[in-house]
């Protein structure tokens, strides 16, 4: 799979841990059959110097070049929408040389599940973006008013915040929250 590739100029830009829904690693090939079992692995974004390529891997060492994956947005491409990768408070992920850190939840006024509210409410999350340990910028995205922000050449979009609030009124701790987001680089 690395034929005609100058390995000296090849760089790994991002490694995103993922659980694949089956052994196709999220990139099924026509006419092939795959075991239906959760397969831990990763999405790997590689820059060969002339193109960006997405590989899907398993922890057992299996890998496949996945040409249906968008190399400009490997966080949540359409390969495994039922298995989104979750980023918890304090977690950092590196994509295309940009470190994105989920710093904190700034507000949560969402309506609990099973309750009728006048307004759906929203949740806000603070993110920082940095490259080579230098802060590029920080932003607070909200689930309703500002789910997308552009910082420099990077557009970050908040796709989901979880878990939903329970109608029993139990408080969520910082460790309970997770987000899914996309990063697009121009």
N, C-alpha and C. Protein backbone atom coordinates (compact mmCIF):
# COMPACT_ATOMS: atom_id res chain seq x y z
N UNK A 1 0.81 -1.20 0.00
CA UNK A 1 0.00 0.00 0.00
C UNK A 1 0.85 1.26 0.00
N UNK A 2 2.15 1.11 0.16
CA UNK A 2 3.03 2.27 0.16
C UNK A 2 3.84 2.37 -1.12
N UNK A 3 3.43 1.66 -2.17
CA UNK A 3 4.16 1.70 -3.43
C UNK A 3 4.19 3.12 -3.97
N UNK A 4 5.29 3.50 -4.57
CA UNK A 4 5.47 4.83 -5.17
C UNK A 4 5.33 5.96 -4.16
N UNK A 5 5.66 5.71 -2.90
CA UNK A 5 5.58 6.73 -1.86
C UNK A 5 6.98 7.02 -1.34
N UNK A 6 7.34 8.30 -1.28
CA UNK A 6 8.63 8.72 -0.74
C UNK A 6 8.51 8.73 0.79
N UNK A 7 8.93 7.64 1.43
CA UNK A 7 8.76 7.51 2.88
C UNK A 7 9.56 8.56 3.66
N UNK A 8 10.63 9.09 3.09
CA UNK A 8 11.42 10.10 3.79
C UNK A 8 10.62 11.38 4.01
N UNK A 9 9.69 11.69 3.10
CA UNK A 9 8.88 12.90 3.22
C UNK A 9 7.50 12.64 3.81
N UNK A 10 7.23 11.41 4.20
CA UNK A 10 5.92 11.05 4.73
C UNK A 10 5.86 11.35 6.22
N UNK A 11 4.76 12.01 6.64
CA UNK A 11 4.59 12.36 8.05
C UNK A 11 3.22 11.92 8.51
N UNK A 12 3.15 11.42 9.74
CA UNK A 12 1.87 11.12 10.35
C UNK A 12 1.37 12.42 10.98
N UNK A 13 0.19 12.89 10.53
CA UNK A 13 -0.36 14.15 11.01
C UNK A 13 -1.32 13.96 12.17
N UNK A 14 -2.01 12.82 12.21
CA UNK A 14 -2.99 12.60 13.27
C UNK A 14 -3.24 11.11 13.45
N UNK A 15 -3.46 10.74 14.71
CA UNK A 15 -3.88 9.38 15.05
C UNK A 15 -5.09 9.52 15.95
N UNK A 16 -6.22 9.01 15.51
CA UNK A 16 -7.48 9.16 16.23
C UNK A 16 -7.99 7.78 16.65
N UNK A 17 -7.90 7.43 17.94
CA UNK A 17 -8.41 6.13 18.39
C UNK A 17 -9.90 6.00 18.06
N UNK A 18 -10.28 4.82 17.59
CA UNK A 18 -11.64 4.58 17.14
C UNK A 18 -12.02 3.13 17.42
N UNK A 19 -13.31 2.89 17.63
CA UNK A 19 -13.82 1.53 17.68
C UNK A 19 -14.64 1.30 16.42
N UNK A 20 -14.16 0.40 15.56
CA UNK A 20 -14.85 0.09 14.31
C UNK A 20 -16.00 -0.87 14.61
N UNK A 21 -17.14 -0.75 13.90
CA UNK A 21 -18.28 -1.62 14.17
C UNK A 21 -18.09 -3.06 13.67
N UNK A 22 -17.08 -3.27 12.80
CA UNK A 22 -16.81 -4.62 12.30
C UNK A 22 -15.36 -4.69 11.84
N UNK A 23 -14.94 -5.84 11.31
CA UNK A 23 -13.54 -6.01 10.94
C UNK A 23 -13.18 -5.38 9.59
N UNK A 24 -14.14 -4.68 8.96
CA UNK A 24 -13.80 -3.94 7.74
C UNK A 24 -13.05 -2.66 8.07
N UNK A 25 -12.97 -2.33 9.35
CA UNK A 25 -12.29 -1.12 9.83
C UNK A 25 -12.95 0.14 9.27
N UNK A 26 -14.27 0.08 9.06
CA UNK A 26 -14.99 1.25 8.58
C UNK A 26 -14.80 1.54 7.11
N UNK A 27 -14.18 0.62 6.39
CA UNK A 27 -13.92 0.83 4.97
C UNK A 27 -14.15 -0.48 4.22
N UNK A 28 -15.41 -0.92 4.17
CA UNK A 28 -15.69 -2.22 3.55
C UNK A 28 -15.41 -2.23 2.05
N UNK A 29 -14.93 -3.37 1.57
CA UNK A 29 -14.66 -3.55 0.15
C UNK A 29 -15.78 -4.38 -0.46
N UNK A 30 -16.19 -4.03 -1.65
CA UNK A 30 -17.27 -4.71 -2.33
C UNK A 30 -16.95 -6.20 -2.49
N UNK A 31 -17.94 -7.05 -2.18
CA UNK A 31 -17.79 -8.49 -2.34
C UNK A 31 -17.11 -9.19 -1.17
N UNK A 32 -16.65 -8.46 -0.18
CA UNK A 32 -15.98 -9.05 0.99
C UNK A 32 -16.97 -9.20 2.14
N UNK A 33 -16.73 -10.18 3.01
CA UNK A 33 -17.55 -10.36 4.21
C UNK A 33 -16.68 -10.05 5.43
N UNK A 34 -17.31 -9.50 6.48
CA UNK A 34 -16.56 -9.08 7.65
C UNK A 34 -17.26 -9.55 8.92
N UNK A 35 -16.46 -9.92 9.92
CA UNK A 35 -17.02 -10.32 11.22
C UNK A 35 -17.65 -9.10 11.88
N UNK A 36 -18.86 -9.28 12.40
CA UNK A 36 -19.59 -8.19 13.05
C UNK A 36 -19.19 -8.14 14.52
N UNK A 37 -18.09 -7.48 14.80
CA UNK A 37 -17.59 -7.35 16.17
C UNK A 37 -16.87 -6.02 16.31
N UNK A 38 -17.00 -5.41 17.47
CA UNK A 38 -16.30 -4.15 17.73
C UNK A 38 -14.80 -4.41 17.59
N UNK A 39 -14.14 -3.58 16.77
CA UNK A 39 -12.72 -3.75 16.50
C UNK A 39 -11.99 -2.46 16.88
N UNK A 40 -11.27 -2.45 18.00
CA UNK A 40 -10.52 -1.25 18.38
C UNK A 40 -9.40 -0.96 17.38
N UNK A 41 -9.20 0.32 17.11
CA UNK A 41 -8.15 0.71 16.18
C UNK A 41 -8.01 2.22 16.14
N UNK A 42 -7.67 2.73 14.96
CA UNK A 42 -7.45 4.17 14.83
C UNK A 42 -7.63 4.60 13.38
N UNK A 43 -7.92 5.89 13.23
CA UNK A 43 -7.83 6.56 11.94
C UNK A 43 -6.48 7.26 11.94
N UNK A 44 -5.73 7.10 10.89
CA UNK A 44 -4.40 7.69 10.81
C UNK A 44 -4.34 8.57 9.57
N UNK A 45 -4.01 9.84 9.77
CA UNK A 45 -3.88 10.78 8.66
C UNK A 45 -2.39 10.93 8.34
N UNK A 46 -2.04 10.65 7.09
CA UNK A 46 -0.65 10.67 6.64
C UNK A 46 -0.51 11.70 5.52
N UNK A 47 0.57 12.47 5.57
CA UNK A 47 0.89 13.40 4.49
C UNK A 47 2.14 12.87 3.80
N UNK A 48 2.01 12.53 2.51
CA UNK A 48 3.14 11.97 1.75
C UNK A 48 4.01 13.05 1.13
N UNK A 49 3.60 14.31 1.31
CA UNK A 49 4.30 15.41 0.66
C UNK A 49 3.56 15.86 -0.59
N UNK A 50 2.81 14.95 -1.20
CA UNK A 50 2.02 15.30 -2.38
C UNK A 50 0.52 15.12 -2.16
N UNK A 51 0.14 14.35 -1.13
CA UNK A 51 -1.27 14.14 -0.83
C UNK A 51 -1.45 13.72 0.62
N UNK A 52 -2.68 13.91 1.12
CA UNK A 52 -3.05 13.42 2.44
C UNK A 52 -3.84 12.14 2.24
N UNK A 53 -3.51 11.12 3.03
CA UNK A 53 -4.16 9.82 2.92
C UNK A 53 -4.66 9.41 4.30
N UNK A 54 -5.85 8.79 4.34
CA UNK A 54 -6.39 8.27 5.59
C UNK A 54 -6.26 6.75 5.58
N UNK A 55 -5.64 6.21 6.64
CA UNK A 55 -5.57 4.77 6.84
C UNK A 55 -6.43 4.42 8.04
N UNK A 56 -7.11 3.30 7.98
CA UNK A 56 -7.84 2.77 9.13
C UNK A 56 -7.09 1.55 9.61
N UNK A 57 -6.89 1.46 10.93
CA UNK A 57 -6.09 0.39 11.50
C UNK A 57 -6.85 -0.35 12.60
N UNK A 58 -6.32 -1.52 12.94
CA UNK A 58 -6.80 -2.25 14.12
C UNK A 58 -5.63 -2.40 15.07
N UNK A 59 -5.92 -2.72 16.33
CA UNK A 59 -4.85 -2.91 17.30
C UNK A 59 -4.03 -4.16 17.00
N UNK A 60 -4.59 -5.06 16.19
CA UNK A 60 -3.87 -6.29 15.83
C UNK A 60 -2.89 -6.07 14.68
N UNK A 61 -2.83 -4.85 14.14
CA UNK A 61 -1.88 -4.54 13.08
C UNK A 61 -2.46 -4.49 11.69
N UNK A 62 -3.73 -4.84 11.53
CA UNK A 62 -4.38 -4.74 10.22
C UNK A 62 -4.54 -3.26 9.87
N UNK A 63 -4.35 -2.91 8.59
CA UNK A 63 -4.60 -1.53 8.17
C UNK A 63 -5.08 -1.54 6.72
N UNK A 64 -5.83 -0.48 6.38
CA UNK A 64 -6.35 -0.36 5.03
C UNK A 64 -6.39 1.13 4.68
N UNK A 65 -5.98 1.43 3.44
CA UNK A 65 -6.13 2.80 2.95
C UNK A 65 -7.62 3.00 2.67
N UNK A 66 -8.20 4.07 3.22
CA UNK A 66 -9.64 4.28 3.08
C UNK A 66 -9.88 5.53 2.24
N UNK A 67 -10.04 5.34 0.95
CA UNK A 67 -10.22 6.46 0.03
C UNK A 67 -11.57 7.14 0.16
N UNK A 68 -12.52 6.51 0.88
CA UNK A 68 -13.82 7.16 1.08
C UNK A 68 -13.79 8.14 2.25
N UNK A 69 -12.73 8.13 3.04
CA UNK A 69 -12.60 9.05 4.18
C UNK A 69 -12.08 10.40 3.70
N UNK A 70 -12.57 11.47 4.31
CA UNK A 70 -12.17 12.83 3.97
C UNK A 70 -10.88 13.18 4.72
N UNK A 71 -9.74 13.34 4.04
CA UNK A 71 -8.49 13.63 4.75
C UNK A 71 -8.46 15.01 5.40
N UNK A 72 -9.40 15.91 5.06
CA UNK A 72 -9.46 17.21 5.69
C UNK A 72 -10.34 17.21 6.93
N UNK A 73 -10.99 16.09 7.20
CA UNK A 73 -11.88 16.01 8.36
C UNK A 73 -12.01 14.56 8.78
N UNK A 74 -10.99 14.00 9.43
CA UNK A 74 -11.04 12.59 9.79
C UNK A 74 -11.70 12.33 11.13
N UNK A 75 -12.05 13.39 11.86
CA UNK A 75 -12.70 13.15 13.15
C UNK A 75 -14.02 12.42 12.99
N UNK A 76 -14.88 12.92 12.17
CA UNK A 76 -16.21 12.36 12.03
C UNK A 76 -16.62 12.32 10.59
N UNK A 77 -15.89 11.54 9.79
CA UNK A 77 -16.32 11.35 8.42
C UNK A 77 -17.49 10.38 8.41
N UNK A 78 -17.99 10.06 7.27
CA UNK A 78 -19.21 9.25 7.19
C UNK A 78 -18.95 7.76 7.30
N UNK A 79 -17.77 7.36 7.70
CA UNK A 79 -17.43 5.94 7.71
C UNK A 79 -18.15 5.19 8.83
N UNK A 80 -18.19 5.71 10.02
CA UNK A 80 -18.81 5.00 11.14
C UNK A 80 -19.65 5.94 11.99
N UNK A 81 -20.75 6.47 11.43
CA UNK A 81 -21.53 7.46 12.17
C UNK A 81 -22.14 6.92 13.46
N UNK A 82 -22.31 5.61 13.58
CA UNK A 82 -22.88 5.07 14.81
C UNK A 82 -21.81 4.88 15.88
N UNK A 83 -20.57 5.06 15.56
CA UNK A 83 -19.48 4.91 16.51
C UNK A 83 -18.66 6.20 16.58
N UNK A 84 -19.26 7.33 17.00
CA UNK A 84 -18.48 8.58 17.02
C UNK A 84 -17.38 8.50 18.06
N UNK A 85 -16.28 9.15 17.76
CA UNK A 85 -15.19 9.22 18.70
C UNK A 85 -15.50 10.32 19.70
N UNK A 86 -15.32 10.03 20.97
CA UNK A 86 -15.69 10.98 22.02
C UNK A 86 -14.43 11.60 22.63
N UNK A 87 -14.52 12.90 22.86
CA UNK A 87 -13.43 13.65 23.48
C UNK A 87 -13.94 14.14 24.82
N UNK A 88 -13.30 13.71 25.91
CA UNK A 88 -13.73 14.09 27.25
C UNK A 88 -13.04 15.36 27.72
N UNK A 89 -13.57 15.94 28.80
CA UNK A 89 -12.97 17.14 29.38
C UNK A 89 -11.51 16.85 29.72
N UNK A 90 -10.62 17.72 29.29
CA UNK A 90 -9.19 17.56 29.54
C UNK A 90 -8.45 16.80 28.46
N UNK A 91 -9.19 16.16 27.54
CA UNK A 91 -8.56 15.39 26.47
C UNK A 91 -8.07 16.32 25.36
N UNK A 92 -6.99 15.89 24.70
CA UNK A 92 -6.43 16.61 23.56
C UNK A 92 -6.29 15.64 22.41
N UNK A 93 -6.61 16.11 21.22
CA UNK A 93 -6.41 15.33 20.00
C UNK A 93 -5.61 16.18 19.03
N UNK A 94 -4.75 15.54 18.24
CA UNK A 94 -3.94 16.25 17.26
C UNK A 94 -4.41 15.90 15.87
N UNK A 95 -4.77 16.91 15.11
CA UNK A 95 -5.19 16.74 13.72
C UNK A 95 -4.47 17.74 12.85
N UNK A 96 -3.83 17.24 11.80
CA UNK A 96 -3.13 18.09 10.84
C UNK A 96 -2.19 19.07 11.54
N UNK A 97 -1.54 18.57 12.60
CA UNK A 97 -0.59 19.39 13.33
C UNK A 97 -1.21 20.36 14.33
N UNK A 98 -2.53 20.31 14.52
CA UNK A 98 -3.23 21.19 15.44
C UNK A 98 -3.69 20.38 16.65
N UNK A 99 -3.31 20.82 17.85
CA UNK A 99 -3.77 20.20 19.08
C UNK A 99 -5.06 20.88 19.51
N UNK A 100 -6.15 20.09 19.64
CA UNK A 100 -7.43 20.61 20.11
C UNK A 100 -7.66 20.03 21.50
N UNK A 101 -7.86 20.91 22.48
CA UNK A 101 -8.10 20.47 23.86
C UNK A 101 -9.49 20.89 24.30
N UNK A 102 -10.24 19.93 24.83
CA UNK A 102 -11.55 20.19 25.43
C UNK A 102 -11.26 20.63 26.86
N UNK A 103 -11.28 21.94 27.11
CA UNK A 103 -10.86 22.51 28.38
C UNK A 103 -11.91 22.33 29.47
N UNK A 104 -13.16 22.78 29.18
CA UNK A 104 -14.20 22.72 30.21
C UNK A 104 -15.58 22.94 29.60
N UNK A 105 -16.58 22.58 30.39
CA UNK A 105 -17.97 22.93 30.08
C UNK A 105 -18.23 24.27 30.74
N UNK A 106 -18.65 25.27 29.97
CA UNK A 106 -18.84 26.61 30.51
C UNK A 106 -20.26 26.87 30.97
N UNK A 107 -21.22 26.13 30.42
CA UNK A 107 -22.61 26.26 30.83
C UNK A 107 -23.38 25.02 30.40
N UNK A 108 -24.47 24.74 31.10
CA UNK A 108 -25.36 23.66 30.67
C UNK A 108 -26.77 23.97 31.14
N UNK A 109 -27.55 24.53 30.24
CA UNK A 109 -28.93 24.91 30.56
C UNK A 109 -29.92 24.07 29.75
N UNK A 110 -29.46 22.89 29.28
CA UNK A 110 -30.32 22.05 28.44
C UNK A 110 -31.53 21.54 29.22
N UNK A 111 -32.57 21.28 28.49
CA UNK A 111 -33.79 20.71 29.04
C UNK A 111 -33.56 19.21 29.27
N UNK A 112 -33.86 18.69 30.47
CA UNK A 112 -33.66 17.26 30.73
C UNK A 112 -34.53 16.39 29.83
N UNK A 113 -34.06 15.18 29.58
CA UNK A 113 -34.80 14.20 28.79
C UNK A 113 -36.14 13.92 29.47
N UNK A 114 -37.23 13.90 28.70
CA UNK A 114 -38.54 13.57 29.23
C UNK A 114 -39.27 14.73 29.88
N UNK A 115 -38.71 15.93 29.82
CA UNK A 115 -39.33 17.11 30.42
C UNK A 115 -39.67 18.09 29.29
N UNK A 116 -40.84 18.72 29.37
CA UNK A 116 -41.23 19.73 28.39
C UNK A 116 -40.76 21.09 28.90
N UNK A 117 -39.95 21.76 28.10
CA UNK A 117 -39.39 23.06 28.49
C UNK A 117 -39.81 24.12 27.47
N UNK A 118 -39.81 25.39 27.90
CA UNK A 118 -40.12 26.50 27.01
C UNK A 118 -38.98 26.67 25.99
N UNK A 119 -37.74 26.50 26.43
CA UNK A 119 -36.57 26.62 25.57
C UNK A 119 -35.73 25.38 25.74
N UNK A 120 -35.14 24.89 24.65
CA UNK A 120 -34.34 23.66 24.72
C UNK A 120 -33.07 23.82 25.56
N UNK A 121 -32.63 25.07 25.75
CA UNK A 121 -31.39 25.31 26.47
C UNK A 121 -30.19 24.98 25.61
N UNK A 122 -29.02 25.19 26.16
CA UNK A 122 -27.80 24.89 25.41
C UNK A 122 -26.68 24.54 26.36
N UNK A 123 -25.64 23.98 25.79
CA UNK A 123 -24.43 23.68 26.55
C UNK A 123 -23.27 24.36 25.84
N UNK A 124 -22.34 24.91 26.62
CA UNK A 124 -21.16 25.57 26.06
C UNK A 124 -19.90 24.82 26.45
N UNK A 125 -18.96 24.73 25.52
CA UNK A 125 -17.69 24.07 25.79
C UNK A 125 -16.54 24.95 25.34
N UNK A 126 -15.52 25.02 26.17
CA UNK A 126 -14.33 25.81 25.85
C UNK A 126 -13.27 24.90 25.25
N UNK A 127 -12.72 25.32 24.10
CA UNK A 127 -11.67 24.57 23.41
C UNK A 127 -10.47 25.48 23.21
N UNK A 128 -9.28 24.88 23.20
CA UNK A 128 -8.09 25.61 22.78
C UNK A 128 -7.49 24.90 21.58
N UNK A 129 -6.90 25.66 20.68
CA UNK A 129 -6.18 25.13 19.53
C UNK A 129 -4.76 25.63 19.62
N UNK A 130 -3.81 24.71 19.44
CA UNK A 130 -2.40 25.11 19.49
C UNK A 130 -1.60 24.28 18.49
N UNK A 131 -0.47 24.84 18.09
CA UNK A 131 0.47 24.12 17.24
C UNK A 131 1.85 24.31 17.83
N UNK A 132 2.60 23.23 17.90
CA UNK A 132 3.97 23.25 18.43
C UNK A 132 4.03 23.99 19.77
N UNK A 133 3.09 23.67 20.65
CA UNK A 133 2.99 24.26 22.00
C UNK A 133 2.76 25.77 22.01
N UNK A 134 2.32 26.33 20.89
CA UNK A 134 1.97 27.75 20.81
C UNK A 134 0.46 27.86 20.62
N UNK A 135 -0.19 28.63 21.48
CA UNK A 135 -1.62 28.81 21.40
C UNK A 135 -2.01 29.53 20.11
N UNK A 136 -2.87 28.90 19.31
CA UNK A 136 -3.39 29.52 18.08
C UNK A 136 -4.62 30.34 18.44
N UNK A 137 -5.43 29.80 19.35
CA UNK A 137 -6.62 30.51 19.78
C UNK A 137 -7.46 29.64 20.68
N UNK A 138 -8.46 30.27 21.29
CA UNK A 138 -9.41 29.52 22.09
C UNK A 138 -10.80 30.02 21.74
N UNK A 139 -11.77 29.15 21.95
CA UNK A 139 -13.13 29.50 21.61
C UNK A 139 -14.09 28.77 22.54
N UNK A 140 -15.26 29.33 22.69
CA UNK A 140 -16.34 28.64 23.38
C UNK A 140 -17.44 28.40 22.36
N UNK A 141 -17.69 27.13 22.12
CA UNK A 141 -18.76 26.74 21.21
C UNK A 141 -19.99 26.39 22.02
N UNK A 142 -21.17 26.70 21.49
CA UNK A 142 -22.42 26.34 22.17
C UNK A 142 -23.25 25.48 21.23
N UNK A 143 -24.06 24.63 21.83
CA UNK A 143 -24.85 23.69 21.04
C UNK A 143 -25.93 24.37 20.21
N UNK A 144 -26.35 25.58 20.57
CA UNK A 144 -27.43 26.25 19.86
C UNK A 144 -26.95 27.52 19.15
N UNK A 145 -26.38 28.46 19.88
CA UNK A 145 -26.07 29.78 19.30
C UNK A 145 -24.82 29.83 18.45
N UNK A 146 -23.74 29.22 18.90
CA UNK A 146 -22.47 29.28 18.16
C UNK A 146 -21.82 27.91 18.09
N UNK A 147 -22.38 26.99 17.30
CA UNK A 147 -21.79 25.65 17.23
C UNK A 147 -20.55 25.58 16.34
N UNK A 148 -20.20 26.68 15.67
CA UNK A 148 -19.05 26.67 14.76
C UNK A 148 -18.27 27.97 14.88
N UNK A 149 -16.95 27.86 14.88
CA UNK A 149 -16.06 29.02 14.91
C UNK A 149 -14.87 28.76 14.00
N UNK A 150 -14.36 29.82 13.39
CA UNK A 150 -13.14 29.72 12.59
C UNK A 150 -12.04 30.46 13.33
N UNK A 151 -10.93 29.76 13.52
CA UNK A 151 -9.75 30.33 14.15
C UNK A 151 -8.61 30.17 13.16
N UNK A 152 -8.13 31.29 12.62
CA UNK A 152 -7.11 31.21 11.58
C UNK A 152 -7.65 30.45 10.39
N UNK A 153 -6.95 29.39 9.99
CA UNK A 153 -7.41 28.59 8.85
C UNK A 153 -8.17 27.34 9.28
N UNK A 154 -8.55 27.26 10.57
CA UNK A 154 -9.21 26.07 11.11
C UNK A 154 -10.65 26.39 11.51
N UNK A 155 -11.60 25.60 11.02
CA UNK A 155 -13.00 25.74 11.41
C UNK A 155 -13.38 24.55 12.28
N UNK A 156 -13.81 24.85 13.50
CA UNK A 156 -14.20 23.82 14.46
C UNK A 156 -15.72 23.86 14.59
N UNK A 157 -16.35 22.68 14.47
CA UNK A 157 -17.81 22.59 14.58
C UNK A 157 -18.17 21.59 15.66
N UNK A 158 -19.01 22.03 16.60
CA UNK A 158 -19.52 21.16 17.66
C UNK A 158 -20.67 20.35 17.09
N UNK A 159 -20.54 19.04 17.08
CA UNK A 159 -21.55 18.15 16.52
C UNK A 159 -22.50 17.64 17.60
N UNK A 160 -21.95 17.30 18.76
CA UNK A 160 -22.76 16.70 19.83
C UNK A 160 -22.10 16.97 21.18
N UNK A 161 -22.93 17.11 22.20
CA UNK A 161 -22.45 17.16 23.58
C UNK A 161 -23.28 16.15 24.36
N UNK A 162 -22.62 15.38 25.17
CA UNK A 162 -23.36 14.38 25.96
C UNK A 162 -22.78 14.30 27.34
N UNK A 163 -23.39 13.58 28.19
CA UNK A 163 -24.67 12.90 27.99
C UNK A 163 -25.83 13.89 28.18
N UNK A 164 -27.05 13.48 27.81
CA UNK A 164 -28.20 14.37 28.06
C UNK A 164 -28.45 14.49 29.55
N UNK A 165 -29.13 15.56 29.95
CA UNK A 165 -29.47 15.73 31.36
C UNK A 165 -30.61 14.78 31.72
N UNK A 166 -30.54 14.22 32.91
CA UNK A 166 -31.59 13.32 33.39
C UNK A 166 -32.70 14.12 34.05
N UNK A 167 -33.93 13.66 33.91
CA UNK A 167 -35.03 14.40 34.51
C UNK A 167 -35.08 14.24 36.02
N UNK A 168 -34.29 13.30 36.57
CA UNK A 168 -34.26 13.16 38.03
C UNK A 168 -33.46 14.27 38.71
N UNK A 169 -32.84 15.14 37.88
CA UNK A 169 -32.12 16.29 38.41
C UNK A 169 -30.72 15.99 38.89
N UNK A 170 -30.22 14.77 38.67
CA UNK A 170 -28.87 14.44 39.13
C UNK A 170 -27.84 15.28 38.38
N UNK A 171 -26.87 15.78 39.11
CA UNK A 171 -25.83 16.65 38.56
C UNK A 171 -24.82 15.85 37.75
N UNK A 172 -24.35 16.45 36.67
CA UNK A 172 -23.27 15.86 35.89
C UNK A 172 -21.95 16.44 36.39
N UNK A 173 -20.92 15.60 36.44
CA UNK A 173 -19.59 16.09 36.78
C UNK A 173 -18.81 16.31 35.48
N UNK A 174 -17.69 16.99 35.57
CA UNK A 174 -16.86 17.24 34.38
C UNK A 174 -16.48 15.92 33.70
N UNK A 175 -16.25 14.87 34.48
CA UNK A 175 -15.87 13.58 33.91
C UNK A 175 -16.98 12.92 33.11
N UNK A 176 -18.24 13.34 33.31
CA UNK A 176 -19.37 12.76 32.59
C UNK A 176 -19.47 13.28 31.17
N UNK A 177 -19.02 14.49 30.91
CA UNK A 177 -19.23 15.13 29.62
C UNK A 177 -18.30 14.59 28.54
N UNK A 178 -18.83 14.58 27.31
CA UNK A 178 -18.03 14.29 26.13
C UNK A 178 -18.56 15.12 24.97
N UNK A 179 -17.71 15.35 23.97
CA UNK A 179 -18.13 16.08 22.78
C UNK A 179 -17.70 15.31 21.54
N UNK A 180 -18.41 15.57 20.47
CA UNK A 180 -17.93 15.17 19.15
C UNK A 180 -17.85 16.47 18.35
N UNK A 181 -16.82 16.58 17.55
CA UNK A 181 -16.63 17.80 16.76
C UNK A 181 -15.93 17.49 15.47
N UNK A 182 -15.94 18.44 14.56
CA UNK A 182 -15.19 18.32 13.33
C UNK A 182 -14.20 19.46 13.24
N UNK A 183 -13.10 19.21 12.57
CA UNK A 183 -12.10 20.24 12.28
C UNK A 183 -11.87 20.23 10.79
N UNK A 184 -12.04 21.38 10.16
CA UNK A 184 -11.76 21.52 8.74
C UNK A 184 -10.67 22.57 8.60
N UNK A 185 -9.65 22.24 7.84
CA UNK A 185 -8.54 23.16 7.62
C UNK A 185 -8.55 23.61 6.17
N UNK A 186 -8.53 24.94 5.98
CA UNK A 186 -8.50 25.48 4.62
C UNK A 186 -7.09 25.45 4.08
